[in-house]
Amino acid sequence: MPRVKTNVARLKRKRKILGEAKGYFGRRKNLYKTAKEAVERAWRYAYRDRKNRKREFRRLWIVRINAAARQHDMSYSRFMNGLKLAGVDINRKVLADLAITDPTAFTQLAETAKSRLN
């Protein structure tokens, strides 16, 4: 069986992990084993939270739309249903932005939704 030299590959792997652990506190940035555990945990959290971020933003947009809709005497669900019946196809991100930055446009949308519900 031929002799295998893994030195270069092993050092590259270690350098990658220790580079990722740069800025960590204490031994987590210096010792390979602890750095590897910390980095892998960080990767797991990052993977999970990339999905959670989408949920959190959607929740935030819904809260903002609900607050703006209630200023026009409507609930969030009635407002969204009215827009759907009116054929207005605007996503929640844009609606939340309109509610904050352009209240007059949101008022027009609320009136459109109200008119379709009645």
C-alpha atoms as a PDB file:
ATOM      1  CA  MET A   1       0.000   0.000   0.000  1.00  0.00           C
ATOM      2  CA  PRO A   2       1.461   3.425  -0.902  1.00  0.00           C
ATOM      3  CA  ARG A   3       2.321   5.948   1.728  1.00  0.00           C
ATOM      4  CA  VAL A   4      -0.148   8.826   1.916  1.00  0.00           C
ATOM      5  CA  LYS A   5       0.962  12.277   2.975  1.00  0.00           C
ATOM      6  CA  THR A   6      -1.997  14.280   4.258  1.00  0.00           C
ATOM      7  CA  ASN A   7       0.006  17.189   5.622  1.00  0.00           C
ATOM      8  CA  VAL A   8      -1.000  19.802   3.054  1.00  0.00           C
ATOM      9  CA  ALA A   9      -4.687  18.871   3.012  1.00  0.00           C
ATOM     10  CA  ARG A  10      -4.858  18.647   6.796  1.00  0.00           C
ATOM     11  CA  LEU A  11      -3.251  22.064   7.244  1.00  0.00           C
ATOM     12  CA  LYS A  12      -5.642  23.546   4.697  1.00  0.00           C
ATOM     13  CA  ARG A  13      -8.632  22.146   6.603  1.00  0.00           C
ATOM     14  CA  LYS A  14      -7.280  23.440   9.913  1.00  0.00           C
ATOM     15  CA  ARG A  15      -6.502  26.855   8.448  1.00  0.00           C
ATOM     16  CA  LYS A  16     -10.049  27.092   7.097  1.00  0.00           C
ATOM     17  CA  ILE A  17     -11.597  26.313  10.490  1.00  0.00           C
ATOM     18  CA  LEU A  18      -9.253  28.596  12.445  1.00  0.00           C
ATOM     19  CA  GLY A  19      -9.894  31.370   9.928  1.00  0.00           C
ATOM     20  CA  GLU A  20     -13.629  30.999  10.468  1.00  0.00           C
ATOM     21  CA  ALA A  21     -13.073  31.158  14.242  1.00  0.00           C
ATOM     22  CA  LYS A  22     -11.184  34.448  14.011  1.00  0.00           C
ATOM     23  CA  GLY A  23     -12.646  36.887  16.516  1.00  0.00           C
ATOM     24  CA  TYR A  24     -13.936  34.212  18.871  1.00  0.00           C
ATOM     25  CA  PHE A  25     -13.067  34.558  22.560  1.00  0.00           C
ATOM     26  CA  GLY A  26     -10.411  32.576  24.398  1.00  0.00           C
ATOM     27  CA  ARG A  27      -9.396  29.106  23.289  1.00  0.00           C
ATOM     28  CA  ARG A  28     -12.185  28.945  20.725  1.00  0.00           C
ATOM     29  CA  LYS A  29     -10.014  30.898  18.311  1.00  0.00           C
ATOM     30  CA  ASN A  30      -6.700  29.093  18.970  1.00  0.00           C
ATOM     31  CA  LEU A  31      -7.288  25.413  19.626  1.00  0.00           C
ATOM     32  CA  TYR A  32      -8.394  23.406  16.617  1.00  0.00           C
ATOM     33  CA  LYS A  33     -10.820  21.087  18.382  1.00  0.00           C
ATOM     34  CA  THR A  34     -12.706  23.787  20.283  1.00  0.00           C
ATOM     35  CA  ALA A  35     -12.619  26.102  17.267  1.00  0.00           C
ATOM     36  CA  LYS A  36     -14.079  23.339  15.091  1.00  0.00           C
ATOM     37  CA  GLU A  37     -16.917  22.741  17.562  1.00  0.00           C
ATOM     38  CA  ALA A  38     -17.673  26.454  17.804  1.00  0.00           C
ATOM     39  CA  VAL A  39     -17.557  26.998  14.036  1.00  0.00           C
ATOM     40  CA  GLU A  40     -19.767  24.006  13.280  1.00  0.00           C
ATOM     41  CA  ARG A  41     -22.289  25.206  15.867  1.00  0.00           C
ATOM     42  CA  ALA A  42     -22.201  28.656  14.291  1.00  0.00           C
ATOM     43  CA  TRP A  43     -22.824  27.131  10.855  1.00  0.00           C
ATOM     44  CA  ARG A  44     -25.827  25.217  12.229  1.00  0.00           C
ATOM     45  CA  TYR A  45     -27.278  28.376  13.751  1.00  0.00           C
ATOM     46  CA  ALA A  46     -26.645  30.319  10.554  1.00  0.00           C
ATOM     47  CA  TYR A  47     -28.403  27.663   8.457  1.00  0.00           C
ATOM     48  CA  ARG A  48     -31.379  27.576  10.815  1.00  0.00           C
ATOM     49  CA  ASP A  49     -31.654  31.330  11.144  1.00  0.00           C
ATOM     50  CA  ARG A  50     -31.558  31.940   7.402  1.00  0.00           C
ATOM     51  CA  LYS A  51     -34.941  30.236   7.396  1.00  0.00           C
ATOM     52  CA  ASN A  52     -36.134  31.971  10.569  1.00  0.00           C
ATOM     53  CA  ARG A  53     -35.288  35.392   9.147  1.00  0.00           C
ATOM     54  CA  LYS A  54     -37.902  34.917   6.439  1.00  0.00           C
ATOM     55  CA  ARG A  55     -40.542  34.044   9.056  1.00  0.00           C
ATOM     56  CA  GLU A  56     -39.631  36.986  11.266  1.00  0.00           C
ATOM     57  CA  PHE A  57     -39.791  39.499   8.437  1.00  0.00           C
ATOM     58  CA  ARG A  58     -43.176  38.193   7.304  1.00  0.00           C
ATOM     59  CA  ARG A  59     -44.463  38.539  10.881  1.00  0.00           C
ATOM     60  CA  LEU A  60     -43.112  42.101  11.054  1.00  0.00           C
ATOM     61  CA  TRP A  61     -44.775  43.057   7.761  1.00  0.00           C
ATOM     62  CA  ILE A  62     -48.101  41.616   8.931  1.00  0.00           C
ATOM     63  CA  VAL A  63     -47.904  43.578  12.204  1.00  0.00           C
ATOM     64  CA  ARG A  64     -47.212  46.805  10.308  1.00  0.00           C
ATOM     65  CA  ILE A  65     -50.005  46.223   7.798  1.00  0.00           C
ATOM     66  CA  ASN A  66     -52.420  45.367  10.612  1.00  0.00           C
ATOM     67  CA  ALA A  67     -51.542  48.556  12.507  1.00  0.00           C
ATOM     68  CA  ALA A  68     -52.067  50.682   9.390  1.00  0.00           C
ATOM     69  CA  ALA A  69     -55.291  48.875   8.446  1.00  0.00           C
ATOM     70  CA  ARG A  70     -56.743  49.421  11.920  1.00  0.00           C
ATOM     71  CA  GLN A  71     -56.258  53.170  11.467  1.00  0.00           C
ATOM     72  CA  HIS A  72     -58.777  52.770   8.639  1.00  0.00           C
ATOM     73  CA  ASP A  73     -61.189  50.718  10.809  1.00  0.00           C
ATOM     74  CA  MET A  74     -60.301  47.361   9.265  1.00  0.00           C
ATOM     75  CA  SER A  75     -58.607  44.258  10.509  1.00  0.00           C
ATOM     76  CA  TYR A  76     -55.628  42.783   8.694  1.00  0.00           C
ATOM     77  CA  SER A  77     -57.600  39.837   7.367  1.00  0.00           C
ATOM     78  CA  ARG A  78     -60.466  41.988   6.050  1.00  0.00           C
ATOM     79  CA  PHE A  79     -57.980  44.386   4.454  1.00  0.00           C
ATOM     80  CA  MET A  80     -56.106  41.586   2.682  1.00  0.00           C
ATOM     81  CA  ASN A  81     -59.375  39.944   1.605  1.00  0.00           C
ATOM     82  CA  GLY A  82     -60.622  43.245   0.190  1.00  0.00           C
ATOM     83  CA  LEU A  83     -57.415  43.708  -1.778  1.00  0.00           C
ATOM     84  CA  LYS A  84     -57.700  40.185  -3.134  1.00  0.00           C
ATOM     85  CA  LEU A  85     -61.309  40.749  -4.201  1.00  0.00           C
ATOM     86  CA  ALA A  86     -60.289  44.039  -5.838  1.00  0.00           C
ATOM     87  CA  GLY A  87     -57.588  42.248  -7.807  1.00  0.00           C
ATOM     88  CA  VAL A  88     -54.751  44.209  -6.199  1.00  0.00           C
ATOM     89  CA  ASP A  89     -51.693  41.986  -6.223  1.00  0.00           C
ATOM     90  CA  ILE A  90     -49.144  43.651  -3.905  1.00  0.00           C
ATOM     91  CA  ASN A  91     -46.989  41.583  -1.596  1.00  0.00           C
ATOM     92  CA  ARG A  92     -46.763  42.148   2.136  1.00  0.00           C
ATOM     93  CA  LYS A  93     -43.272  43.630   2.003  1.00  0.00           C
ATOM     94  CA  VAL A  94     -44.416  46.438  -0.293  1.00  0.00           C
ATOM     95  CA  LEU A  95     -47.640  46.970   1.658  1.00  0.00           C
ATOM     96  CA  ALA A  96     -45.713  47.331   4.920  1.00  0.00           C
ATOM     97  CA  ASP A  97     -43.332  49.791   3.274  1.00  0.00           C
ATOM     98  CA  LEU A  98     -46.268  51.805   1.890  1.00  0.00           C
ATOM     99  CA  ALA A  99     -47.895  51.867   5.315  1.00  0.00           C
ATOM    100  CA  ILE A 100     -44.808  53.551   6.754  1.00  0.00           C
ATOM    101  CA  THR A 101     -43.424  55.709   3.941  1.00  0.00           C
ATOM    102  CA  ASP A 102     -46.540  56.656   1.935  1.00  0.00           C
ATOM    103  CA  PRO A 103     -49.697  56.774   4.088  1.00  0.00           C
ATOM    104  CA  THR A 104     -51.764  58.417   1.336  1.00  0.00           C
ATOM    105  CA  ALA A 105     -51.168  55.497  -1.031  1.00  0.00           C
ATOM    106  CA  PHE A 106     -52.047  53.085   1.776  1.00  0.00           C
ATOM    107  CA  THR A 107     -55.242  55.070   2.415  1.00  0.00           C
ATOM    108  CA  GLN A 108     -56.226  54.637  -1.234  1.00  0.00           C
ATOM    109  CA  LEU A 109     -55.574  50.909  -0.980  1.00  0.00           C
ATOM    110  CA  ALA A 110     -57.664  50.747   2.208  1.00  0.00           C
ATOM    111  CA  GLU A 111     -60.526  52.562   0.469  1.00  0.00           C
ATOM    112  CA  THR A 112     -60.279  50.147  -2.455  1.00  0.00           C
ATOM    113  CA  ALA A 113     -60.390  47.179  -0.090  1.00  0.00           C
ATOM    114  CA  LYS A 114     -63.375  48.672   1.817  1.00  0.00           C
ATOM    115  CA  SER A 115     -65.343  49.302  -1.347  1.00  0.00           C
ATOM    116  CA  ARG A 116     -64.912  45.692  -2.517  1.00  0.00           C
ATOM    117  CA  LEU A 117     -65.999  44.297   0.845  1.00  0.00           C
ATOM    118  CA  ASN A 118     -69.265  46.250   0.975  1.00  0.00           C
END
